[in-house]
C-alpha atoms as a PDB file:
ATOM      1  CA  MET A   1     121.264 105.972  61.627  1.00  0.00           C
ATOM      2  CA  PHE A   2     120.268 107.470  64.983  1.00  0.00           C
ATOM      3  CA  SER A   3     116.641 107.544  63.813  1.00  0.00           C
ATOM      4  CA  ALA A   4     116.670 103.776  63.213  1.00  0.00           C
ATOM      5  CA  TYR A   5     117.991 103.138  66.732  1.00  0.00           C
ATOM      6  CA  LEU A   6     115.407 105.470  68.217  1.00  0.00           C
ATOM      7  CA  LYS A   7     112.563 103.750  66.345  1.00  0.00           C
ATOM      8  CA  SER A   8     113.792 100.350  67.516  1.00  0.00           C
ATOM      9  CA  ALA A   9     114.035 101.549  71.105  1.00  0.00           C
ATOM     10  CA  VAL A  10     110.516 102.990  71.006  1.00  0.00           C
ATOM     11  CA  ALA A  11     109.117  99.825  69.426  1.00  0.00           C
ATOM     12  CA  GLY A  12     110.850  97.714  72.079  1.00  0.00           C
ATOM     13  CA  ALA A  13     109.428  99.871  74.860  1.00  0.00           C
ATOM     14  CA  PHE A  14     105.902  99.437  73.490  1.00  0.00           C
ATOM     15  CA  LEU A  15     106.326  95.671  73.215  1.00  0.00           C
ATOM     16  CA  LEU A  16     107.670  95.474  76.758  1.00  0.00           C
ATOM     17  CA  GLY A  17     104.720  97.535  77.962  1.00  0.00           C
ATOM     18  CA  PHE A  18     102.243  95.226  76.251  1.00  0.00           C
ATOM     19  CA  ALA A  19     103.981  92.137  77.613  1.00  0.00           C
ATOM     20  CA  THR A  20     103.906  93.567  81.125  1.00  0.00           C
ATOM     21  CA  THR A  21     100.222  94.394  80.785  1.00  0.00           C
ATOM     22  CA  ALA A  22      99.431  90.905  79.548  1.00  0.00           C
ATOM     23  CA  PHE A  23     101.375  89.350  82.411  1.00  0.00           C
ATOM     24  CA  ALA A  24      99.808  91.650  84.992  1.00  0.00           C
ATOM     25  CA  ALA A  25      96.285  90.497  84.140  1.00  0.00           C
ATOM     26  CA  THR A  26      96.574  87.028  85.693  1.00  0.00           C
ATOM     27  CA  GLY A  27      95.746  87.514  89.379  1.00  0.00           C
ATOM     28  CA  GLU A  28      93.637  85.553  91.816  1.00  0.00           C
ATOM     29  CA  PHE A  29      90.124  86.704  92.753  1.00  0.00           C
ATOM     30  CA  ASP A  30      89.336  87.846  89.202  1.00  0.00           C
ATOM     31  CA  ASN A  31      91.984  90.604  89.500  1.00  0.00           C
ATOM     32  CA  MET A  32      90.230  92.272  92.428  1.00  0.00           C
ATOM     33  CA  CYS A  33      92.263  94.108  95.058  1.00  0.00           C
ATOM     34  CA  THR A  34      93.113  91.489  97.660  1.00  0.00           C
ATOM     35  CA  MET A  35      93.271  94.047 100.475  1.00  0.00           C
ATOM     36  CA  GLY A  36      89.930  95.432  99.332  1.00  0.00           C
ATOM     37  CA  LEU A  37      88.424  91.957  99.607  1.00  0.00           C
ATOM     38  CA  ALA A  38      89.967  91.543 103.071  1.00  0.00           C
ATOM     39  CA  THR A  39      88.070  94.666 104.137  1.00  0.00           C
ATOM     40  CA  GLY A  40      84.807  93.651 102.441  1.00  0.00           C
ATOM     41  CA  GLN A  41      85.080  95.655  99.223  1.00  0.00           C
ATOM     42  CA  ASP A  42      85.066  94.646  95.559  1.00  0.00           C
ATOM     43  CA  ILE A  43      87.741  96.783  93.877  1.00  0.00           C
ATOM     44  CA  LYS A  44      88.573  95.745  90.303  1.00  0.00           C
ATOM     45  CA  THR A  45      92.207  96.292  89.284  1.00  0.00           C
ATOM     46  CA  ASP A  46      94.359  95.893  86.192  1.00  0.00           C
ATOM     47  CA  CYS A  47      96.743  93.888  88.408  1.00  0.00           C
ATOM     48  CA  SER A  48      99.683  96.115  87.548  1.00  0.00           C
ATOM     49  CA  ILE A  49     100.423  96.262  91.285  1.00  0.00           C
ATOM     50  CA  ASN A  50     100.754  92.702  92.492  1.00  0.00           C
ATOM     51  CA  ALA A  51     102.594  90.312  94.789  1.00  0.00           C
ATOM     52  CA  GLN A  52     103.440  86.628  94.640  1.00  0.00           C
ATOM     53  CA  LEU A  53     102.484  84.492  97.639  1.00  0.00           C
ATOM     54  CA  GLU A  54     102.847  80.720  97.647  1.00  0.00           C
ATOM     55  CA  GLY A  55     103.082  80.653  93.853  1.00  0.00           C
ATOM     56  CA  LYS A  56      99.950  82.728  93.222  1.00  0.00           C
ATOM     57  CA  THR A  57      99.607  86.314  92.055  1.00  0.00           C
ATOM     58  CA  TYR A  58      97.492  88.689  94.116  1.00  0.00           C
ATOM     59  CA  CYS A  59      96.450  92.095  92.779  1.00  0.00           C
ATOM     60  CA  PHE A  60      96.180  95.405  94.598  1.00  0.00           C
ATOM     61  CA  GLY A  61      94.513  98.694  93.763  1.00  0.00           C
ATOM     62  CA  SER A  62      97.452 100.724  95.066  1.00  0.00           C
ATOM     63  CA  LYS A  63     100.904 100.388  96.586  1.00  0.00           C
ATOM     64  CA  ASP A  64      99.409 101.508  99.904  1.00  0.00           C
ATOM     65  CA  ALA A  65      96.880  98.652  99.768  1.00  0.00           C
ATOM     66  CA  MET A  66      99.674  96.170  99.066  1.00  0.00           C
ATOM     67  CA  ALA A  67     101.787  97.560 101.926  1.00  0.00           C
ATOM     68  CA  GLU A  68      98.829  97.299 104.319  1.00  0.00           C
ATOM     69  CA  PHE A  69      98.140  93.737 103.184  1.00  0.00           C
ATOM     70  CA  MET A  70     101.767  92.737 103.727  1.00  0.00           C
ATOM     71  CA  LYS A  71     101.634  93.759 107.390  1.00  0.00           C
ATOM     72  CA  SER A  72      99.666  90.554 108.016  1.00  0.00           C
ATOM     73  CA  PRO A  73      99.440  88.586 104.758  1.00  0.00           C
ATOM     74  CA  LYS A  74      98.110  85.274 106.115  1.00  0.00           C
ATOM     75  CA  GLU A  75      95.351  86.931 108.111  1.00  0.00           C
ATOM     76  CA  ASN A  76      94.402  89.290 105.288  1.00  0.00           C
ATOM     77  CA  LEU A  77      94.413  86.486 102.722  1.00  0.00           C
ATOM     78  CA  ALA A  78      92.100  84.419 104.927  1.00  0.00           C
ATOM     79  CA  LYS A  79      89.723  87.401 105.201  1.00  0.00           C
ATOM     80  CA  ALA A  80      89.864  87.941 101.430  1.00  0.00           C
ATOM     81  CA  HIS A  81      89.094  84.259 100.753  1.00  0.00           C
ATOM     82  CA  THR A  82      86.153  84.317 103.178  1.00  0.00           C
ATOM     83  CA  TYR A  83      84.639  87.473 101.704  1.00  0.00           C
ATOM     84  CA  TYR A  84      85.227  86.450  98.082  1.00  0.00           C
ATOM     85  CA  SER A  85      83.736  82.971  98.515  1.00  0.00           C
ATOM     86  CA  LYS A  86      80.579  84.425 100.092  1.00  0.00           C
ATOM     87  CA  LYS A  87      80.199  87.239  97.593  1.00  0.00           C
ATOM     88  CA  HIS A  88      81.269  85.287  94.493  1.00  0.00           C
ATOM     89  CA  PRO A  89      80.255  81.635  94.988  1.00  0.00           C
ATOM     90  CA  GLY A  90      81.276  79.040  92.454  1.00  0.00           C
END
């Protein structure tokens, strides 16, 4: 009986993990680190570290990058948009 509960719990954990991964992969800027873009760097992420701003998801390469971004989000977002639009037109 315990084995059946354990198998169900493990299966549920895997499904939750896959659902989280699928959700995490929907950020702006092609899932690049938004703080990286603000500092002129292309840093691809899996978007597992992210933040919601004005209804959009922004990805970060680390919790430190997200914390730094959040010190001045409007300014950093403007820098990221400027860099991204020059580097990745269209």
